Amino acid sequence: MEPVIRFADVSKVYPLRAGDVTALSHVSFEVERGEFIAIMGPSGSGKSTLLNLMGCLDTPTSGDIFISGIRIQDMTDDELTDLRRDRIGFIFQYFNLFPLLNIIENVNFPQMMKAGEVVDETKAVEVLKSVHLEESLHTHTPLELSGGQQQRVAIARALINDPDILLCDEPTGNLDTKTGASIMNLMTELNKRGSTIIIVTHDPTIAAYTQRTIRIVDGRIA
């Protein structure tokens, strides 16, 4: 099977007036379907650039990136938008939920973007159940939930369109240690069910939950 992500000699250079900044330099790696991976590195090492490229939020200056066998440089902006919506789930440190929508509506939002106004609301309930969020909370708004509960909603939203990849940017960074551990236990459970998960983190405790670690130093894989 094709790797779910493949980077082949990828570089990313940002042109600035003071001089070009090389964020990534000749990076090559593969992620197989079903892997659970941590990406670690010091501040400014290129972790965020790498995440943006894996999430098709940016394109490389040189080299090739393949997502589920598709070369992203060959795609139009609309095709990249569809790829992000349908094949990549994003989970962020600050949840990024819509404060005026209830929990079901937040989780259903990616379905609405894909299928229009007609969505399968039973699927949202099922996905929320899979992340262990009590049904009594489904009609609440995000601000009525704890941080850990909001992160479970964010994970459910990322799962609603059955993505090939879950990209997680410091998913426990805004949570206390106990709540963060419960979220990582949930991630481990999702991975065992077949989800491909990539976590960007600076915390070795979080990286210890994963199967392997990719370390970035000065834009290169160490």
C-alpha atoms as a PDB file:
ATOM      1  CA  MET A   1       0.000   0.000   0.000  1.00  0.00           C
ATOM      2  CA  GLU A   2       1.054   3.586  -0.625  1.00  0.00           C
ATOM      3  CA  PRO A   3       2.299   5.404   2.486  1.00  0.00           C
ATOM      4  CA  VAL A   4      -0.364   7.750   3.794  1.00  0.00           C
ATOM      5  CA  ILE A   5       2.270  10.529   3.750  1.00  0.00           C
ATOM      6  CA  ARG A   6       5.512  10.630   1.777  1.00  0.00           C
ATOM      7  CA  PHE A   7       8.018  13.487   1.723  1.00  0.00           C
ATOM      8  CA  ALA A   8      10.745  13.216  -0.930  1.00  0.00           C
ATOM      9  CA  ASP A   9      13.649  15.678  -0.582  1.00  0.00           C
ATOM     10  CA  VAL A  10      11.321  18.473   0.575  1.00  0.00           C
ATOM     11  CA  SER A  11      12.617  21.972   1.286  1.00  0.00           C
ATOM     12  CA  LYS A  12      10.699  25.080   2.312  1.00  0.00           C
ATOM     13  CA  VAL A  13      12.298  28.499   1.961  1.00  0.00           C
ATOM     14  CA  TYR A  14      10.632  31.766   2.993  1.00  0.00           C
ATOM     15  CA  PRO A  15      11.978  34.782   1.071  1.00  0.00           C
ATOM     16  CA  LEU A  16      12.440  37.807   3.344  1.00  0.00           C
ATOM     17  CA  ARG A  17      13.992  41.219   2.752  1.00  0.00           C
ATOM     18  CA  ALA A  18      16.739  40.483   5.263  1.00  0.00           C
ATOM     19  CA  GLY A  19      17.529  37.206   3.518  1.00  0.00           C
ATOM     20  CA  ASP A  20      15.886  33.881   2.756  1.00  0.00           C
ATOM     21  CA  VAL A  21      14.953  31.668   5.713  1.00  0.00           C
ATOM     22  CA  THR A  22      15.180  27.908   5.175  1.00  0.00           C
ATOM     23  CA  ALA A  23      12.518  26.335   7.411  1.00  0.00           C
ATOM     24  CA  LEU A  24      12.994  22.790   6.061  1.00  0.00           C
ATOM     25  CA  SER A  25      15.977  21.420   4.175  1.00  0.00           C
ATOM     26  CA  HIS A  26      15.881  18.224   2.086  1.00  0.00           C
ATOM     27  CA  VAL A  27      13.461  16.337   4.352  1.00  0.00           C
ATOM     28  CA  SER A  28      12.457  12.785   3.387  1.00  0.00           C
ATOM     29  CA  PHE A  29      10.286  10.366   5.353  1.00  0.00           C
ATOM     30  CA  GLU A  30       7.222   8.149   5.064  1.00  0.00           C
ATOM     31  CA  VAL A  31       4.222   7.533   7.310  1.00  0.00           C
ATOM     32  CA  GLU A  32       2.492   4.197   6.895  1.00  0.00           C
ATOM     33  CA  ARG A  33      -1.233   3.769   7.398  1.00  0.00           C
ATOM     34  CA  GLY A  34      -2.040   3.084  11.052  1.00  0.00           C
ATOM     35  CA  GLU A  35       1.156   4.573  12.506  1.00  0.00           C
ATOM     36  CA  PHE A  36       1.226   6.725  15.652  1.00  0.00           C
ATOM     37  CA  ILE A  37       4.062   9.256  15.381  1.00  0.00           C
ATOM     38  CA  ALA A  38       5.412  12.179  17.396  1.00  0.00           C
ATOM     39  CA  ILE A  39       7.277  15.076  15.795  1.00  0.00           C
ATOM     40  CA  MET A  40       9.639  16.804  18.217  1.00  0.00           C
ATOM     41  CA  GLY A  41      12.199  19.563  18.038  1.00  0.00           C
ATOM     42  CA  PRO A  42      13.208  22.829  19.668  1.00  0.00           C
ATOM     43  CA  SER A  43      11.419  26.095  18.970  1.00  0.00           C
ATOM     44  CA  GLY A  44      12.172  27.269  15.435  1.00  0.00           C
ATOM     45  CA  SER A  45      13.283  23.833  14.279  1.00  0.00           C
ATOM     46  CA  GLY A  46      10.646  23.540  11.542  1.00  0.00           C
ATOM     47  CA  LYS A  47       7.900  21.556  13.322  1.00  0.00           C
ATOM     48  CA  SER A  48       5.133  24.004  12.420  1.00  0.00           C
ATOM     49  CA  THR A  49       6.283  24.216   8.808  1.00  0.00           C
ATOM     50  CA  LEU A  50       6.313  20.426   8.614  1.00  0.00           C
ATOM     51  CA  LEU A  51       2.781  20.254  10.073  1.00  0.00           C
ATOM     52  CA  ASN A  52       1.515  22.877   7.604  1.00  0.00           C
ATOM     53  CA  LEU A  53       2.967  20.920   4.687  1.00  0.00           C
ATOM     54  CA  MET A  54       1.521  17.593   5.908  1.00  0.00           C
ATOM     55  CA  GLY A  55      -1.849  19.294   6.294  1.00  0.00           C
ATOM     56  CA  CYS A  56      -1.685  20.783   2.775  1.00  0.00           C
ATOM     57  CA  LEU A  57      -1.896  24.275   4.254  1.00  0.00           C
ATOM     58  CA  ASP A  58       1.286  25.140   2.362  1.00  0.00           C
ATOM     59  CA  THR A  59       3.321  23.748  -0.531  1.00  0.00           C
ATOM     60  CA  PRO A  60       7.065  23.048  -0.657  1.00  0.00           C
ATOM     61  CA  THR A  61       9.647  25.210  -2.384  1.00  0.00           C
ATOM     62  CA  SER A  62      11.207  22.042  -3.803  1.00  0.00           C
ATOM     63  CA  GLY A  63      10.767  18.296  -3.502  1.00  0.00           C
ATOM     64  CA  ASP A  64       7.587  16.223  -3.607  1.00  0.00           C
ATOM     65  CA  ILE A  65       4.822  15.588  -1.072  1.00  0.00           C
ATOM     66  CA  PHE A  66       2.321  12.753  -1.518  1.00  0.00           C
ATOM     67  CA  ILE A  67      -0.828  12.369   0.596  1.00  0.00           C
ATOM     68  CA  SER A  68      -2.393   8.925   0.166  1.00  0.00           C
ATOM     69  CA  GLY A  69      -0.466   8.631  -3.112  1.00  0.00           C
ATOM     70  CA  ILE A  70      -1.577  12.038  -4.439  1.00  0.00           C
ATOM     71  CA  ARG A  71       1.151  14.580  -5.288  1.00  0.00           C
ATOM     72  CA  ILE A  72      -0.122  17.804  -3.753  1.00  0.00           C
ATOM     73  CA  GLN A  73       1.790  20.104  -6.134  1.00  0.00           C
ATOM     74  CA  ASP A  74      -0.347  18.735  -8.986  1.00  0.00           C
ATOM     75  CA  MET A  75      -3.581  19.849  -7.293  1.00  0.00           C
ATOM     76  CA  THR A  76      -5.579  23.058  -7.681  1.00  0.00           C
ATOM     77  CA  ASP A  77      -6.535  25.176  -4.661  1.00  0.00           C
ATOM     78  CA  ASP A  78     -10.059  23.715  -4.754  1.00  0.00           C
ATOM     79  CA  GLU A  79      -8.691  20.169  -4.880  1.00  0.00           C
ATOM     80  CA  LEU A  80      -6.402  20.908  -1.919  1.00  0.00           C
ATOM     81  CA  THR A  81      -9.379  22.279   0.017  1.00  0.00           C
ATOM     82  CA  ASP A  82     -11.313  19.065  -0.667  1.00  0.00           C
ATOM     83  CA  LEU A  83      -8.292  16.975   0.326  1.00  0.00           C
ATOM     84  CA  ARG A  84      -7.976  18.780   3.673  1.00  0.00           C
ATOM     85  CA  ARG A  85     -11.696  18.485   4.332  1.00  0.00           C
ATOM     86  CA  ASP A  86     -12.097  14.829   3.384  1.00  0.00           C
ATOM     87  CA  ARG A  87      -8.781  13.123   4.192  1.00  0.00           C
ATOM     88  CA  ILE A  88      -7.119  15.109   6.985  1.00  0.00           C
ATOM     89  CA  GLY A  89      -8.435  15.747  10.486  1.00  0.00           C
ATOM     90  CA  PHE A  90      -6.909  18.646  12.445  1.00  0.00           C
ATOM     91  CA  ILE A  91      -6.740  18.849  16.252  1.00  0.00           C
ATOM     92  CA  PHE A  92      -5.336  21.998  17.849  1.00  0.00           C
ATOM     93  CA  GLN A  93      -4.114  23.092  21.263  1.00  0.00           C
ATOM     94  CA  TYR A  94      -6.888  25.674  21.668  1.00  0.00           C
ATOM     95  CA  PHE A  95      -9.767  23.469  20.385  1.00  0.00           C
ATOM     96  CA  ASN A  96     -11.041  26.088  17.831  1.00  0.00           C
ATOM     97  CA  LEU A  97     -14.703  25.226  18.449  1.00  0.00           C
ATOM     98  CA  PHE A  98     -17.527  27.586  17.446  1.00  0.00           C
ATOM     99  CA  PRO A  99     -18.750  29.156  20.709  1.00  0.00           C
ATOM    100  CA  LEU A 100     -22.310  29.846  19.484  1.00  0.00           C
ATOM    101  CA  LEU A 101     -22.914  26.317  18.162  1.00  0.00           C
ATOM    102  CA  ASN A 102     -23.777  23.402  20.408  1.00  0.00           C
ATOM    103  CA  ILE A 103     -21.633  20.284  20.534  1.00  0.00           C
ATOM    104  CA  ILE A 104     -23.578  18.321  17.892  1.00  0.00           C
ATOM    105  CA  GLU A 105     -23.491  21.314  15.547  1.00  0.00           C
ATOM    106  CA  ASN A 106     -19.728  21.751  16.067  1.00  0.00           C
ATOM    107  CA  VAL A 107     -19.049  18.103  15.252  1.00  0.00           C
ATOM    108  CA  ASN A 108     -21.388  18.166  12.247  1.00  0.00           C
ATOM    109  CA  PHE A 109     -19.777  21.263  10.720  1.00  0.00           C
ATOM    110  CA  PRO A 110     -17.247  19.367   8.514  1.00  0.00           C
ATOM    111  CA  GLN A 111     -20.112  17.160   7.277  1.00  0.00           C
ATOM    112  CA  MET A 112     -22.053  20.298   6.314  1.00  0.00           C
ATOM    113  CA  MET A 113     -19.020  21.623   4.423  1.00  0.00           C
ATOM    114  CA  LYS A 114     -18.839  18.337   2.519  1.00  0.00           C
ATOM    115  CA  ALA A 115     -22.490  17.491   1.904  1.00  0.00           C
ATOM    116  CA  GLY A 116     -24.372  20.762   2.293  1.00  0.00           C
ATOM    117  CA  GLU A 117     -27.123  21.280   4.841  1.00  0.00           C
ATOM    118  CA  VAL A 118     -28.268  17.644   4.858  1.00  0.00           C
ATOM    119  CA  VAL A 119     -26.081  15.738   7.328  1.00  0.00           C
ATOM    120  CA  ASP A 120     -26.326  12.442   9.180  1.00  0.00           C
ATOM    121  CA  GLU A 121     -26.776  13.627  12.777  1.00  0.00           C
ATOM    122  CA  THR A 122     -26.656  10.065  14.074  1.00  0.00           C
ATOM    123  CA  LYS A 123     -23.025   9.879  12.939  1.00  0.00           C
ATOM    124  CA  ALA A 124     -22.099  12.840  15.153  1.00  0.00           C
ATOM    125  CA  VAL A 125     -23.685  11.078  18.124  1.00  0.00           C
ATOM    126  CA  GLU A 126     -21.749   7.901  17.326  1.00  0.00           C
ATOM    127  CA  VAL A 127     -18.440   9.743  16.992  1.00  0.00           C
ATOM    128  CA  LEU A 128     -19.006  11.627  20.253  1.00  0.00           C
ATOM    129  CA  LYS A 129     -19.722   8.301  21.909  1.00  0.00           C
ATOM    130  CA  SER A 130     -16.448   6.938  20.535  1.00  0.00           C
ATOM    131  CA  VAL A 131     -14.530   9.751  22.273  1.00  0.00           C
ATOM    132  CA  HIS A 132     -16.429   9.113  25.501  1.00  0.00           C
ATOM    133  CA  LEU A 133     -18.376  12.383  25.744  1.00  0.00           C
ATOM    134  CA  GLU A 134     -21.594  12.025  27.728  1.00  0.00           C
ATOM    135  CA  GLU A 135     -24.787  12.373  25.687  1.00  0.00           C
ATOM    136  CA  SER A 136     -26.173  14.842  28.242  1.00  0.00           C
ATOM    137  CA  LEU A 137     -23.544  17.347  27.039  1.00  0.00           C
ATOM    138  CA  HIS A 138     -24.382  17.163  23.324  1.00  0.00           C
ATOM    139  CA  THR A 139     -26.731  20.178  23.411  1.00  0.00           C
ATOM    140  CA  HIS A 140     -24.358  22.334  25.483  1.00  0.00           C
ATOM    141  CA  THR A 141     -22.107  24.997  23.991  1.00  0.00           C
ATOM    142  CA  PRO A 142     -18.309  24.649  24.205  1.00  0.00           C
ATOM    143  CA  LEU A 143     -17.957  27.271  26.961  1.00  0.00           C
ATOM    144  CA  GLU A 144     -20.138  25.091  29.198  1.00  0.00           C
ATOM    145  CA  LEU A 145     -17.597  22.246  28.987  1.00  0.00           C
ATOM    146  CA  SER A 146     -14.230  21.666  30.635  1.00  0.00           C
ATOM    147  CA  GLY A 147     -11.011  21.854  28.633  1.00  0.00           C
ATOM    148  CA  GLY A 148     -10.762  18.074  28.409  1.00  0.00           C
ATOM    149  CA  GLN A 149     -14.361  17.788  27.236  1.00  0.00           C
ATOM    150  CA  GLN A 150     -13.803  20.476  24.604  1.00  0.00           C
ATOM    151  CA  GLN A 151     -10.771  18.593  23.309  1.00  0.00           C
ATOM    152  CA  ARG A 152     -12.882  15.425  23.010  1.00  0.00           C
ATOM    153  CA  VAL A 153     -15.371  17.428  20.931  1.00  0.00           C
ATOM    154  CA  ALA A 154     -12.511  18.707  18.758  1.00  0.00           C
ATOM    155  CA  ILE A 155     -11.304  15.134  18.231  1.00  0.00           C
ATOM    156  CA  ALA A 156     -14.829  14.013  17.314  1.00  0.00           C
ATOM    157  CA  ARG A 157     -15.088  16.863  14.798  1.00  0.00           C
ATOM    158  CA  ALA A 158     -11.763  15.781  13.269  1.00  0.00           C
ATOM    159  CA  LEU A 159     -13.061  12.204  12.931  1.00  0.00           C
ATOM    160  CA  ILE A 160     -16.501  12.946  11.455  1.00  0.00           C
ATOM    161  CA  ASN A 161     -15.432  12.679   7.778  1.00  0.00           C
ATOM    162  CA  ASP A 162     -13.367   9.478   8.334  1.00  0.00           C
ATOM    163  CA  PRO A 163      -9.988  11.089   7.513  1.00  0.00           C
ATOM    164  CA  ASP A 164      -6.908   9.141   6.465  1.00  0.00           C
ATOM    165  CA  ILE A 165      -4.752  11.161   8.873  1.00  0.00           C
ATOM    166  CA  LEU A 166      -5.182  12.954  12.208  1.00  0.00           C
ATOM    167  CA  LEU A 167      -2.728  15.860  12.596  1.00  0.00           C
ATOM    168  CA  CYS A 168      -2.466  17.086  16.176  1.00  0.00           C
ATOM    169  CA  ASP A 169      -0.705  20.314  17.122  1.00  0.00           C
ATOM    170  CA  GLU A 170       0.156  20.206  20.864  1.00  0.00           C
ATOM    171  CA  PRO A 171      -3.261  18.636  21.618  1.00  0.00           C
ATOM    172  CA  THR A 172      -2.624  18.508  25.381  1.00  0.00           C
ATOM    173  CA  GLY A 173      -0.742  21.815  25.648  1.00  0.00           C
ATOM    174  CA  ASN A 174      -3.748  23.648  27.117  1.00  0.00           C
ATOM    175  CA  LEU A 175      -4.714  20.867  29.559  1.00  0.00           C
ATOM    176  CA  ASP A 176      -3.565  19.830  33.017  1.00  0.00           C
ATOM    177  CA  THR A 177      -1.448  16.695  33.344  1.00  0.00           C
ATOM    178  CA  LYS A 178      -4.285  14.346  34.340  1.00  0.00           C
ATOM    179  CA  THR A 179      -6.615  15.548  31.574  1.00  0.00           C
ATOM    180  CA  GLY A 180      -3.764  15.445  29.067  1.00  0.00           C
ATOM    181  CA  ALA A 181      -3.094  11.810  29.980  1.00  0.00           C
ATOM    182  CA  SER A 182      -6.753  10.930  29.415  1.00  0.00           C
ATOM    183  CA  ILE A 183      -6.637  12.572  25.961  1.00  0.00           C
ATOM    184  CA  MET A 184      -3.480  10.638  25.073  1.00  0.00           C
ATOM    185  CA  ASN A 185      -5.101   7.406  26.248  1.00  0.00           C
ATOM    186  CA  LEU A 186      -7.986   8.224  23.896  1.00  0.00           C
ATOM    187  CA  MET A 187      -5.514   8.857  21.051  1.00  0.00           C
ATOM    188  CA  THR A 188      -3.913   5.473  21.741  1.00  0.00           C
ATOM    189  CA  GLU A 189      -7.337   3.854  21.602  1.00  0.00           C
ATOM    190  CA  LEU A 190      -8.144   5.563  18.284  1.00  0.00           C
ATOM    191  CA  ASN A 191      -4.814   4.411  16.865  1.00  0.00           C
ATOM    192  CA  LYS A 192      -5.543   0.828  17.881  1.00  0.00           C
ATOM    193  CA  ARG A 193      -8.815   1.135  15.927  1.00  0.00           C
ATOM    194  CA  GLY A 194      -6.800   2.059  12.819  1.00  0.00           C
ATOM    195  CA  SER A 195      -6.380   5.841  12.844  1.00  0.00           C
ATOM    196  CA  THR A 196      -3.083   7.244  11.560  1.00  0.00           C
ATOM    197  CA  ILE A 197      -2.062   9.894  14.090  1.00  0.00           C
ATOM    198  CA  ILE A 198       0.771  12.432  13.978  1.00  0.00           C
ATOM    199  CA  ILE A 199       1.356  14.630  17.023  1.00  0.00           C
ATOM    200  CA  VAL A 200       3.583  17.701  17.119  1.00  0.00           C
ATOM    201  CA  THR A 201       4.787  18.139  20.692  1.00  0.00           C
ATOM    202  CA  HIS A 202       7.670  19.463  22.764  1.00  0.00           C
ATOM    203  CA  ASP A 203       6.791  17.136  25.664  1.00  0.00           C
ATOM    204  CA  PRO A 204       8.664  13.799  25.854  1.00  0.00           C
ATOM    205  CA  THR A 205       5.913  12.452  28.129  1.00  0.00           C
ATOM    206  CA  ILE A 206       3.432  12.869  25.271  1.00  0.00           C
ATOM    207  CA  ALA A 207       5.869  11.456  22.708  1.00  0.00           C
ATOM    208  CA  ALA A 208       6.214   8.336  24.861  1.00  0.00           C
ATOM    209  CA  TYR A 209       2.636   7.345  23.942  1.00  0.00           C
ATOM    210  CA  THR A 210       3.567   7.063  20.259  1.00  0.00           C
ATOM    211  CA  GLN A 211       5.263   4.294  18.292  1.00  0.00           C
ATOM    212  CA  ARG A 212       8.119   6.373  16.889  1.00  0.00           C
ATOM    213  CA  THR A 213       9.465   9.905  17.008  1.00  0.00           C
ATOM    214  CA  ILE A 214      10.671  12.099  14.149  1.00  0.00           C
ATOM    215  CA  ARG A 215      13.101  14.721  15.505  1.00  0.00           C
ATOM    216  CA  ILE A 216      13.593  17.989  13.631  1.00  0.00           C
ATOM    217  CA  VAL A 217      16.667  20.157  14.243  1.00  0.00           C
ATOM    218  CA  ASP A 218      17.414  23.263  12.151  1.00  0.00           C
ATOM    219  CA  GLY A 219      14.993  22.163   9.440  1.00  0.00           C
ATOM    220  CA  ARG A 220      16.457  18.680   9.052  1.00  0.00           C
ATOM    221  CA  ILE A 221      15.500  15.275  10.400  1.00  0.00           C
ATOM    222  CA  ALA A 222      18.016  14.458  13.128  1.00  0.00           C
END
